């Protein structure tokens, strides 16, 4: 689930995040993609 969620973040989507790996695995890399892509990140847990 990490690559497609990362792609959605980079594309600036409204991203409803239920996939844990995006942050547990991706961490800083993922949050940087959210910021640079202008995505709206909304937690679902």
ModelCIF file with pLDDT and N, C-alpha, C, O atoms, coordinates in Angstrom:
data_MODEL
#
_entry.id   MODEL 
#
_entity.id                         1 
_entity.type                       polymer 
_entity.pdbx_number_of_molecules   1 
#
_entity_poly.entity_id                      1 
_entity_poly.type                           'polypeptide(L)' 
_entity_poly.nstd_linkage                   no 
_entity_poly.nstd_monomer                   no 
_entity_poly.pdbx_seq_one_letter_code       
;(UNK)(UNK)(UNK)(UNK)(UNK)(UNK)(UNK)(UNK)(UNK)(UNK)(UNK)(UNK)(UNK)(UNK)(UNK)(UNK)
(UNK)(UNK)(UNK)(UNK)(UNK)(UNK)(UNK)(UNK)(UNK)(UNK)(UNK)(UNK)(UNK)(UNK)(UNK)(UNK)
(UNK)(UNK)(UNK)(UNK)(UNK)(UNK)(UNK)(UNK)(UNK)(UNK)(UNK)(UNK)(UNK)
;
_entity_poly.pdbx_seq_one_letter_code_can   XXXXXXXXXXXXXXXXXXXXXXXXXXXXXXXXXXXXXXXXXXXXX 
_entity_poly.pdbx_strand_id                 A 
#
loop_
_entity_poly_seq.entity_id 
_entity_poly_seq.num 
_entity_poly_seq.mon_id 
_entity_poly_seq.hetero 
1 1  UNK n 
1 2  UNK n 
1 3  UNK n 
1 4  UNK n 
1 5  UNK n 
1 6  UNK n 
1 7  UNK n 
1 8  UNK n 
1 9  UNK n 
1 10 UNK n 
1 11 UNK n 
1 12 UNK n 
1 13 UNK n 
1 14 UNK n 
1 15 UNK n 
1 16 UNK n 
1 17 UNK n 
1 18 UNK n 
1 19 UNK n 
1 20 UNK n 
1 21 UNK n 
1 22 UNK n 
1 23 UNK n 
1 24 UNK n 
1 25 UNK n 
1 26 UNK n 
1 27 UNK n 
1 28 UNK n 
1 29 UNK n 
1 30 UNK n 
1 31 UNK n 
1 32 UNK n 
1 33 UNK n 
1 34 UNK n 
1 35 UNK n 
1 36 UNK n 
1 37 UNK n 
1 38 UNK n 
1 39 UNK n 
1 40 UNK n 
1 41 UNK n 
1 42 UNK n 
1 43 UNK n 
1 44 UNK n 
1 45 UNK n 
#
_struct_asym.id          A 
_struct_asym.entity_id   1 
#
loop_
_ma_qa_metric.id 
_ma_qa_metric.mode 
_ma_qa_metric.name 
_ma_qa_metric.software_group_id 
_ma_qa_metric.type 
1 global pLDDT . pLDDT 
2 local  pLDDT . pLDDT 
#
_ma_qa_metric_global.metric_id      1 
_ma_qa_metric_global.metric_value   94.80 
_ma_qa_metric_global.model_id       1 
_ma_qa_metric_global.ordinal_id     1 
#
loop_
_ma_qa_metric_local.label_asym_id 
_ma_qa_metric_local.label_comp_id 
_ma_qa_metric_local.label_seq_id 
_ma_qa_metric_local.metric_id 
_ma_qa_metric_local.metric_value 
_ma_qa_metric_local.model_id 
_ma_qa_metric_local.ordinal_id 
A UNK 1  2 90.00 1 1  
A UNK 2  2 90.00 1 2  
A UNK 3  2 92.00 1 3  
A UNK 4  2 96.00 1 4  
A UNK 5  2 96.00 1 5  
A UNK 6  2 95.00 1 6  
A UNK 7  2 97.00 1 7  
A UNK 8  2 98.00 1 8  
A UNK 9  2 97.00 1 9  
A UNK 10 2 97.00 1 10 
A UNK 11 2 98.00 1 11 
A UNK 12 2 98.00 1 12 
A UNK 13 2 98.00 1 13 
A UNK 14 2 98.00 1 14 
A UNK 15 2 98.00 1 15 
A UNK 16 2 98.00 1 16 
A UNK 17 2 97.00 1 17 
A UNK 18 2 94.00 1 18 
A UNK 19 2 87.00 1 19 
A UNK 20 2 84.00 1 20 
A UNK 21 2 82.00 1 21 
A UNK 22 2 89.00 1 22 
A UNK 23 2 95.00 1 23 
A UNK 24 2 94.00 1 24 
A UNK 25 2 92.00 1 25 
A UNK 26 2 91.00 1 26 
A UNK 27 2 93.00 1 27 
A UNK 28 2 93.00 1 28 
A UNK 29 2 94.00 1 29 
A UNK 30 2 96.00 1 30 
A UNK 31 2 96.00 1 31 
A UNK 32 2 96.00 1 32 
A UNK 33 2 96.00 1 33 
A UNK 34 2 97.00 1 34 
A UNK 35 2 97.00 1 35 
A UNK 36 2 97.00 1 36 
A UNK 37 2 98.00 1 37 
A UNK 38 2 97.00 1 38 
A UNK 39 2 98.00 1 39 
A UNK 40 2 97.00 1 40 
A UNK 41 2 97.00 1 41 
A UNK 42 2 98.00 1 42 
A UNK 43 2 97.00 1 43 
A UNK 44 2 96.00 1 44 
A UNK 45 2 92.00 1 45 
#
loop_
_atom_site.group_PDB 
_atom_site.id 
_atom_site.type_symbol 
_atom_site.label_atom_id 
_atom_site.label_alt_id 
_atom_site.label_comp_id 
_atom_site.label_asym_id 
_atom_site.label_entity_id 
_atom_site.label_seq_id 
_atom_site.pdbx_PDB_ins_code 
_atom_site.Cartn_x 
_atom_site.Cartn_y 
_atom_site.Cartn_z 
_atom_site.occupancy 
_atom_site.B_iso_or_equiv 
_atom_site.pdbx_formal_charge 
_atom_site.auth_seq_id 
_atom_site.auth_comp_id 
_atom_site.auth_asym_id 
_atom_site.auth_atom_id 
_atom_site.pdbx_PDB_model_num 
ATOM 1   N N  . UNK A 1 1  ? 0.790  -1.223 0.000  1.00 90.00 ? 1  UNK A N  1 
ATOM 2   C CA . UNK A 1 1  ? 0.000  0.000  0.000  1.00 90.00 ? 1  UNK A CA 1 
ATOM 3   C C  . UNK A 1 1  ? 0.822  1.272  0.000  1.00 90.00 ? 1  UNK A C  1 
ATOM 4   O O  . UNK A 1 1  ? 0.285  2.354  -0.241 1.00 90.00 ? 1  UNK A O  1 
ATOM 5   N N  . UNK A 1 2  ? 2.136  1.162  0.270  1.00 90.00 ? 2  UNK A N  1 
ATOM 6   C CA . UNK A 1 2  ? 2.972  2.361  0.359  1.00 90.00 ? 2  UNK A CA 1 
ATOM 7   C C  . UNK A 1 2  ? 3.109  3.093  -0.980 1.00 90.00 ? 2  UNK A C  1 
ATOM 8   O O  . UNK A 1 2  ? 2.842  4.294  -1.020 1.00 90.00 ? 2  UNK A O  1 
ATOM 9   N N  . UNK A 1 3  ? 3.514  2.432  -2.093 1.00 92.00 ? 3  UNK A N  1 
ATOM 10  C CA . UNK A 1 3  ? 3.697  3.183  -3.346 1.00 92.00 ? 3  UNK A CA 1 
ATOM 11  C C  . UNK A 1 3  ? 2.451  3.912  -3.841 1.00 92.00 ? 3  UNK A C  1 
ATOM 12  O O  . UNK A 1 3  ? 2.559  5.082  -4.209 1.00 92.00 ? 3  UNK A O  1 
ATOM 13  N N  . UNK A 1 4  ? 1.255  3.277  -3.872 1.00 96.00 ? 4  UNK A N  1 
ATOM 14  C CA . UNK A 1 4  ? 0.088  4.039  -4.354 1.00 96.00 ? 4  UNK A CA 1 
ATOM 15  C C  . UNK A 1 4  ? -0.316 5.174  -3.419 1.00 96.00 ? 4  UNK A C  1 
ATOM 16  O O  . UNK A 1 4  ? -0.772 6.218  -3.885 1.00 96.00 ? 4  UNK A O  1 
ATOM 17  N N  . UNK A 1 5  ? -0.158 4.990  -2.106 1.00 96.00 ? 5  UNK A N  1 
ATOM 18  C CA . UNK A 1 5  ? -0.482 6.083  -1.177 1.00 96.00 ? 5  UNK A CA 1 
ATOM 19  C C  . UNK A 1 5  ? 0.508  7.230  -1.348 1.00 96.00 ? 5  UNK A C  1 
ATOM 20  O O  . UNK A 1 5  ? 0.134  8.401  -1.280 1.00 96.00 ? 5  UNK A O  1 
ATOM 21  N N  . UNK A 1 6  ? 1.759  6.887  -1.570 1.00 95.00 ? 6  UNK A N  1 
ATOM 22  C CA . UNK A 1 6  ? 2.782  7.899  -1.810 1.00 95.00 ? 6  UNK A CA 1 
ATOM 23  C C  . UNK A 1 6  ? 2.481  8.659  -3.099 1.00 95.00 ? 6  UNK A C  1 
ATOM 24  O O  . UNK A 1 6  ? 2.649  9.877  -3.164 1.00 95.00 ? 6  UNK A O  1 
ATOM 25  N N  . UNK A 1 7  ? 2.035  7.932  -4.121 1.00 97.00 ? 7  UNK A N  1 
ATOM 26  C CA . UNK A 1 7  ? 1.686  8.565  -5.397 1.00 97.00 ? 7  UNK A CA 1 
ATOM 27  C C  . UNK A 1 7  ? 0.503  9.506  -5.231 1.00 97.00 ? 7  UNK A C  1 
ATOM 28  O O  . UNK A 1 7  ? 0.484  10.590 -5.816 1.00 97.00 ? 7  UNK A O  1 
ATOM 29  N N  . UNK A 1 8  ? -0.487 9.098  -4.434 1.00 98.00 ? 8  UNK A N  1 
ATOM 30  C CA . UNK A 1 8  ? -1.643 9.958  -4.178 1.00 98.00 ? 8  UNK A CA 1 
ATOM 31  C C  . UNK A 1 8  ? -1.228 11.225 -3.442 1.00 98.00 ? 8  UNK A C  1 
ATOM 32  O O  . UNK A 1 8  ? -1.731 12.313 -3.724 1.00 98.00 ? 8  UNK A O  1 
ATOM 33  N N  . UNK A 1 9  ? -0.302 11.074 -2.494 1.00 97.00 ? 9  UNK A N  1 
ATOM 34  C CA . UNK A 1 9  ? 0.188  12.243 -1.751 1.00 97.00 ? 9  UNK A CA 1 
ATOM 35  C C  . UNK A 1 9  ? 0.914  13.208 -2.679 1.00 97.00 ? 9  UNK A C  1 
ATOM 36  O O  . UNK A 1 9  ? 0.688  14.417 -2.627 1.00 97.00 ? 9  UNK A O  1 
ATOM 37  N N  . UNK A 1 10 ? 1.774  12.679 -3.517 1.00 97.00 ? 10 UNK A N  1 
ATOM 38  C CA . UNK A 1 10 ? 2.536  13.524 -4.448 1.00 97.00 ? 10 UNK A CA 1 
ATOM 39  C C  . UNK A 1 10 ? 1.634  14.200 -5.461 1.00 97.00 ? 10 UNK A C  1 
ATOM 40  O O  . UNK A 1 10 ? 1.955  15.272 -5.973 1.00 97.00 ? 10 UNK A O  1 
ATOM 41  N N  . UNK A 1 11 ? 0.479  13.558 -5.755 1.00 98.00 ? 11 UNK A N  1 
ATOM 42  C CA . UNK A 1 11 ? -0.457 14.133 -6.722 1.00 98.00 ? 11 UNK A CA 1 
ATOM 43  C C  . UNK A 1 11 ? -1.429 15.112 -6.070 1.00 98.00 ? 11 UNK A C  1 
ATOM 44  O O  . UNK A 1 11 ? -2.315 15.646 -6.737 1.00 98.00 ? 11 UNK A O  1 
ATOM 45  N N  . UNK A 1 12 ? -1.268 15.347 -4.773 1.00 98.00 ? 12 UNK A N  1 
ATOM 46  C CA . UNK A 1 12 ? -2.083 16.349 -4.098 1.00 98.00 ? 12 UNK A CA 1 
ATOM 47  C C  . UNK A 1 12 ? -3.516 15.939 -3.830 1.00 98.00 ? 12 UNK A C  1 
ATOM 48  O O  . UNK A 1 12 ? -4.403 16.791 -3.786 1.00 98.00 ? 12 UNK A O  1 
ATOM 49  N N  . UNK A 1 13 ? -3.760 14.647 -3.649 1.00 98.00 ? 13 UNK A N  1 
ATOM 50  C CA . UNK A 1 13 ? -5.126 14.180 -3.435 1.00 98.00 ? 13 UNK A CA 1 
ATOM 51  C C  . UNK A 1 13 ? -5.589 14.411 -2.000 1.00 98.00 ? 13 UNK A C  1 
ATOM 52  O O  . UNK A 1 13 ? -4.782 14.636 -1.098 1.00 98.00 ? 13 UNK A O  1 
ATOM 53  N N  . UNK A 1 14 ? -6.894 14.352 -1.809 1.00 98.00 ? 14 UNK A N  1 
ATOM 54  C CA . UNK A 1 14 ? -7.457 14.194 -0.463 1.00 98.00 ? 14 UNK A CA 1 
ATOM 55  C C  . UNK A 1 14 ? -7.259 12.722 -0.127 1.00 98.00 ? 14 UNK A C  1 
ATOM 56  O O  . UNK A 1 14 ? -7.945 11.861 -0.677 1.00 98.00 ? 14 UNK A O  1 
ATOM 57  N N  . UNK A 1 15 ? -6.332 12.431 0.768  1.00 98.00 ? 15 UNK A N  1 
ATOM 58  C CA . UNK A 1 15 ? -5.917 11.059 1.045  1.00 98.00 ? 15 UNK A CA 1 
ATOM 59  C C  . UNK A 1 15 ? -6.424 10.630 2.410  1.00 98.00 ? 15 UNK A C  1 
ATOM 60  O O  . UNK A 1 15 ? -5.985 11.146 3.439  1.00 98.00 ? 15 UNK A O  1 
ATOM 61  N N  . UNK A 1 16 ? -7.349 9.682  2.411  1.00 98.00 ? 16 UNK A N  1 
ATOM 62  C CA . UNK A 1 16 ? -7.861 9.095  3.637  1.00 98.00 ? 16 UNK A CA 1 
ATOM 63  C C  . UNK A 1 16 ? -6.974 7.896  3.953  1.00 98.00 ? 16 UNK A C  1 
ATOM 64  O O  . UNK A 1 16 ? -7.036 6.874  3.270  1.00 98.00 ? 16 UNK A O  1 
ATOM 65  N N  . UNK A 1 17 ? -6.156 8.024  4.983  1.00 97.00 ? 17 UNK A N  1 
ATOM 66  C CA . UNK A 1 17 ? -5.087 7.053  5.214  1.00 97.00 ? 17 UNK A CA 1 
ATOM 67  C C  . UNK A 1 17 ? -5.482 6.022  6.257  1.00 97.00 ? 17 UNK A C  1 
ATOM 68  O O  . UNK A 1 17 ? -5.582 6.332  7.444  1.00 97.00 ? 17 UNK A O  1 
ATOM 69  N N  . UNK A 1 18 ? -5.708 4.785  5.803  1.00 94.00 ? 18 UNK A N  1 
ATOM 70  C CA . UNK A 1 18 ? -5.926 3.652  6.696  1.00 94.00 ? 18 UNK A CA 1 
ATOM 71  C C  . UNK A 1 18 ? -4.742 2.694  6.646  1.00 94.00 ? 18 UNK A C  1 
ATOM 72  O O  . UNK A 1 18 ? -4.585 1.857  7.534  1.00 94.00 ? 18 UNK A O  1 
ATOM 73  N N  . UNK A 1 19 ? -3.914 2.809  5.621  1.00 87.00 ? 19 UNK A N  1 
ATOM 74  C CA . UNK A 1 19 ? -2.734 1.952  5.471  1.00 87.00 ? 19 UNK A CA 1 
ATOM 75  C C  . UNK A 1 19 ? -1.643 2.397  6.443  1.00 87.00 ? 19 UNK A C  1 
ATOM 76  O O  . UNK A 1 19 ? -1.139 3.516  6.339  1.00 87.00 ? 19 UNK A O  1 
ATOM 77  N N  . UNK A 1 20 ? -1.278 1.532  7.380  1.00 84.00 ? 20 UNK A N  1 
ATOM 78  C CA . UNK A 1 20 ? -0.294 1.887  8.408  1.00 84.00 ? 20 UNK A CA 1 
ATOM 79  C C  . UNK A 1 20 ? 1.108  2.042  7.831  1.00 84.00 ? 20 UNK A C  1 
ATOM 80  O O  . UNK A 1 20 ? 1.900  2.850  8.317  1.00 84.00 ? 20 UNK A O  1 
ATOM 81  N N  . UNK A 1 21 ? 1.410  1.265  6.794  1.00 82.00 ? 21 UNK A N  1 
ATOM 82  C CA . UNK A 1 21 ? 2.783  1.223  6.297  1.00 82.00 ? 21 UNK A CA 1 
ATOM 83  C C  . UNK A 1 21 ? 3.251  2.565  5.738  1.00 82.00 ? 21 UNK A C  1 
ATOM 84  O O  . UNK A 1 21 ? 4.444  2.869  5.764  1.00 82.00 ? 21 UNK A O  1 
ATOM 85  N N  . UNK A 1 22 ? 2.315  3.363  5.236  1.00 89.00 ? 22 UNK A N  1 
ATOM 86  C CA . UNK A 1 22 ? 2.709  4.656  4.683  1.00 89.00 ? 22 UNK A CA 1 
ATOM 87  C C  . UNK A 1 22 ? 3.522  5.458  5.693  1.00 89.00 ? 22 UNK A C  1 
ATOM 88  O O  . UNK A 1 22 ? 4.498  6.114  5.330  1.00 89.00 ? 22 UNK A O  1 
ATOM 89  N N  . UNK A 1 23 ? 3.117  5.404  6.961  1.00 95.00 ? 23 UNK A N  1 
ATOM 90  C CA . UNK A 1 23 ? 3.807  6.165  8.001  1.00 95.00 ? 23 UNK A CA 1 
ATOM 91  C C  . UNK A 1 23 ? 4.767  5.305  8.814  1.00 95.00 ? 23 UNK A C  1 
ATOM 92  O O  . UNK A 1 23 ? 5.847  5.770  9.179  1.00 95.00 ? 23 UNK A O  1 
ATOM 93  N N  . UNK A 1 24 ? 4.398  4.072  9.101  1.00 94.00 ? 24 UNK A N  1 
ATOM 94  C CA . UNK A 1 24 ? 5.285  3.204  9.886  1.00 94.00 ? 24 UNK A CA 1 
ATOM 95  C C  . UNK A 1 24 ? 6.541  2.870  9.084  1.00 94.00 ? 24 UNK A C  1 
ATOM 96  O O  . UNK A 1 24 ? 7.642  2.845  9.634  1.00 94.00 ? 24 UNK A O  1 
ATOM 97  N N  . UNK A 1 25 ? 6.381  2.617  7.802  1.00 92.00 ? 25 UNK A N  1 
ATOM 98  C CA . UNK A 1 25 ? 7.518  2.318  6.931  1.00 92.00 ? 25 UNK A CA 1 
ATOM 99  C C  . UNK A 1 25 ? 8.077  3.603  6.330  1.00 92.00 ? 25 UNK A C  1 
ATOM 100 O O  . UNK A 1 25 ? 9.288  3.824  6.337  1.00 92.00 ? 25 UNK A O  1 
ATOM 101 N N  . UNK A 1 26 ? 7.180  4.457  5.803  1.00 91.00 ? 26 UNK A N  1 
ATOM 102 C CA . UNK A 1 26 ? 7.619  5.628  5.052  1.00 91.00 ? 26 UNK A CA 1 
ATOM 103 C C  . UNK A 1 26 ? 8.037  6.814  5.898  1.00 91.00 ? 26 UNK A C  1 
ATOM 104 O O  . UNK A 1 26 ? 8.990  7.514  5.558  1.00 91.00 ? 26 UNK A O  1 
ATOM 105 N N  . UNK A 1 27 ? 7.325  7.049  7.013  1.00 93.00 ? 27 UNK A N  1 
ATOM 106 C CA . UNK A 1 27 ? 7.682  8.106  7.942  1.00 93.00 ? 27 UNK A CA 1 
ATOM 107 C C  . UNK A 1 27 ? 7.966  9.448  7.296  1.00 93.00 ? 27 UNK A C  1 
ATOM 108 O O  . UNK A 1 27 ? 7.094  10.060 6.680  1.00 93.00 ? 27 UNK A O  1 
ATOM 109 N N  . UNK A 1 28 ? 9.202  9.893  7.450  1.00 93.00 ? 28 UNK A N  1 
ATOM 110 C CA . UNK A 1 28 ? 9.611  11.223 6.978  1.00 93.00 ? 28 UNK A CA 1 
ATOM 111 C C  . UNK A 1 28 ? 9.430  11.361 5.473  1.00 93.00 ? 28 UNK A C  1 
ATOM 112 O O  . UNK A 1 28 ? 9.021  12.417 4.991  1.00 93.00 ? 28 UNK A O  1 
ATOM 113 N N  . UNK A 1 29 ? 9.734  10.297 4.724  1.00 94.00 ? 29 UNK A N  1 
ATOM 114 C CA . UNK A 1 29 ? 9.600  10.338 3.268  1.00 94.00 ? 29 UNK A CA 1 
ATOM 115 C C  . UNK A 1 29 ? 8.155  10.597 2.873  1.00 94.00 ? 29 UNK A C  1 
ATOM 116 O O  . UNK A 1 29 ? 7.887  11.393 1.973  1.00 94.00 ? 29 UNK A O  1 
ATOM 117 N N  . UNK A 1 30 ? 7.228  9.933  3.539  1.00 96.00 ? 30 UNK A N  1 
ATOM 118 C CA . UNK A 1 30 ? 5.815  10.088 3.208  1.00 96.00 ? 30 UNK A CA 1 
ATOM 119 C C  . UNK A 1 30 ? 5.312  11.484 3.558  1.00 96.00 ? 30 UNK A C  1 
ATOM 120 O O  . UNK A 1 30 ? 4.613  12.110 2.761  1.00 96.00 ? 30 UNK A O  1 
ATOM 121 N N  . UNK A 1 31 ? 5.662  11.973 4.738  1.00 96.00 ? 31 UNK A N  1 
ATOM 122 C CA . UNK A 1 31 ? 5.191  13.295 5.142  1.00 96.00 ? 31 UNK A CA 1 
ATOM 123 C C  . UNK A 1 31 ? 5.770  14.396 4.256  1.00 96.00 ? 31 UNK A C  1 
ATOM 124 O O  . UNK A 1 31 ? 5.128  15.421 4.031  1.00 96.00 ? 31 UNK A O  1 
ATOM 125 N N  . UNK A 1 32 ? 6.976  14.181 3.761  1.00 96.00 ? 32 UNK A N  1 
ATOM 126 C CA . UNK A 1 32 ? 7.572  15.141 2.825  1.00 96.00 ? 32 UNK A CA 1 
ATOM 127 C C  . UNK A 1 32 ? 6.771  15.152 1.520  1.00 96.00 ? 32 UNK A C  1 
ATOM 128 O O  . UNK A 1 32 ? 6.555  16.212 0.932  1.00 96.00 ? 32 UNK A O  1 
ATOM 129 N N  . UNK A 1 33 ? 6.333  13.973 1.070  1.00 96.00 ? 33 UNK A N  1 
ATOM 130 C CA . UNK A 1 33 ? 5.534  13.889 -0.157 1.00 96.00 ? 33 UNK A CA 1 
ATOM 131 C C  . UNK A 1 33 ? 4.187  14.591 0.024  1.00 96.00 ? 33 UNK A C  1 
ATOM 132 O O  . UNK A 1 33 ? 3.702  15.253 -0.894 1.00 96.00 ? 33 UNK A O  1 
ATOM 133 N N  . UNK A 1 34 ? 3.587  14.447 1.199  1.00 97.00 ? 34 UNK A N  1 
ATOM 134 C CA . UNK A 1 34 ? 2.315  15.123 1.488  1.00 97.00 ? 34 UNK A CA 1 
ATOM 135 C C  . UNK A 1 34 ? 2.490  16.631 1.400  1.00 97.00 ? 34 UNK A C  1 
ATOM 136 O O  . UNK A 1 34 ? 1.675  17.328 0.796  1.00 97.00 ? 34 UNK A O  1 
ATOM 137 N N  . UNK A 1 35 ? 3.563  17.127 2.009  1.00 97.00 ? 35 UNK A N  1 
ATOM 138 C CA . UNK A 1 35 ? 3.804  18.574 2.012  1.00 97.00 ? 35 UNK A CA 1 
ATOM 139 C C  . UNK A 1 35 ? 4.116  19.093 0.615  1.00 97.00 ? 35 UNK A C  1 
ATOM 140 O O  . UNK A 1 35 ? 3.561  20.102 0.181  1.00 97.00 ? 35 UNK A O  1 
ATOM 141 N N  . UNK A 1 36 ? 5.001  18.403 -0.080 1.00 97.00 ? 36 UNK A N  1 
ATOM 142 C CA . UNK A 1 36 ? 5.410  18.874 -1.403 1.00 97.00 ? 36 UNK A CA 1 
ATOM 143 C C  . UNK A 1 36 ? 4.282  18.753 -2.420 1.00 97.00 ? 36 UNK A C  1 
ATOM 144 O O  . UNK A 1 36 ? 4.176  19.580 -3.326 1.00 97.00 ? 36 UNK A O  1 
ATOM 145 N N  . UNK A 1 37 ? 3.439  17.730 -2.282 1.00 98.00 ? 37 UNK A N  1 
ATOM 146 C CA . UNK A 1 37 ? 2.340  17.540 -3.227 1.00 98.00 ? 37 UNK A CA 1 
ATOM 147 C C  . UNK A 1 37 ? 1.118  18.383 -2.904 1.00 98.00 ? 37 UNK A C  1 
ATOM 148 O O  . UNK A 1 37 ? 0.214  18.511 -3.730 1.00 98.00 ? 37 UNK A O  1 
ATOM 149 N N  . UNK A 1 38 ? 1.087  18.959 -1.709 1.00 97.00 ? 38 UNK A N  1 
ATOM 150 C CA . UNK A 1 38 ? -0.084 19.736 -1.318 1.00 97.00 ? 38 UNK A CA 1 
ATOM 151 C C  . UNK A 1 38 ? -1.296 18.877 -1.034 1.00 97.00 ? 38 UNK A C  1 
ATOM 152 O O  . UNK A 1 38 ? -2.430 19.328 -1.195 1.00 97.00 ? 38 UNK A O  1 
ATOM 153 N N  . UNK A 1 39 ? -1.069 17.632 -0.610 1.00 98.00 ? 39 UNK A N  1 
ATOM 154 C CA . UNK A 1 39 ? -2.177 16.719 -0.339 1.00 98.00 ? 39 UNK A CA 1 
ATOM 155 C C  . UNK A 1 39 ? -2.871 17.095 0.968  1.00 98.00 ? 39 UNK A C  1 
ATOM 156 O O  . UNK A 1 39 ? -2.282 17.736 1.838  1.00 98.00 ? 39 UNK A O  1 
ATOM 157 N N  . UNK A 1 40 ? -4.128 16.686 1.087  1.00 97.00 ? 40 UNK A N  1 
ATOM 158 C CA . UNK A 1 40 ? -4.876 16.802 2.335  1.00 97.00 ? 40 UNK A CA 1 
ATOM 159 C C  . UNK A 1 40 ? -4.888 15.420 2.973  1.00 97.00 ? 40 UNK A C  1 
ATOM 160 O O  . UNK A 1 40 ? -5.563 14.514 2.483  1.00 97.00 ? 40 UNK A O  1 
ATOM 161 N N  . UNK A 1 41 ? -4.141 15.254 4.066  1.00 97.00 ? 41 UNK A N  1 
ATOM 162 C CA . UNK A 1 41 ? -3.989 13.951 4.710  1.00 97.00 ? 41 UNK A CA 1 
ATOM 163 C C  . UNK A 1 41 ? -4.958 13.840 5.878  1.00 97.00 ? 41 UNK A C  1 
ATOM 164 O O  . UNK A 1 41 ? -4.918 14.645 6.809  1.00 97.00 ? 41 UNK A O  1 
ATOM 165 N N  . UNK A 1 42 ? -5.837 12.825 5.823  1.00 98.00 ? 42 UNK A N  1 
ATOM 166 C CA . UNK A 1 42 ? -6.869 12.647 6.838  1.00 98.00 ? 42 UNK A CA 1 
ATOM 167 C C  . UNK A 1 42 ? -6.780 11.230 7.408  1.00 98.00 ? 42 UNK A C  1 
ATOM 168 O O  . UNK A 1 42 ? -6.954 10.257 6.674  1.00 98.00 ? 42 UNK A O  1 
ATOM 169 N N  . UNK A 1 43 ? -6.510 11.108 8.710  1.00 97.00 ? 43 UNK A N  1 
ATOM 170 C CA . UNK A 1 43 ? -6.330 9.776  9.307  1.00 97.00 ? 43 UNK A CA 1 
ATOM 171 C C  . UNK A 1 43 ? -7.653 9.043  9.469  1.00 97.00 ? 43 UNK A C  1 
ATOM 172 O O  . UNK A 1 43 ? -8.671 9.650  9.801  1.00 97.00 ? 43 UNK A O  1 
ATOM 173 N N  . UNK A 1 44 ? -7.634 7.726  9.231  1.00 96.00 ? 44 UNK A N  1 
ATOM 174 C CA . UNK A 1 44 ? -8.843 6.915  9.309  1.00 96.00 ? 44 UNK A CA 1 
ATOM 175 C C  . UNK A 1 44 ? -8.830 5.967  10.500 1.00 96.00 ? 44 UNK A C  1 
ATOM 176 O O  . UNK A 1 44 ? -9.900 5.585  10.974 1.00 96.00 ? 44 UNK A O  1 
ATOM 177 N N  . UNK A 1 45 ? -7.673 5.576  10.999 1.00 92.00 ? 45 UNK A N  1 
ATOM 178 C CA . UNK A 1 45 ? -7.653 4.823  12.249 1.00 92.00 ? 45 UNK A CA 1 
ATOM 179 C C  . UNK A 1 45 ? -8.521 5.554  13.265 1.00 92.00 ? 45 UNK A C  1 
ATOM 180 O O  . UNK A 1 45 ? -8.655 5.101  14.401 1.00 92.00 ? 45 UNK A O  1 
#
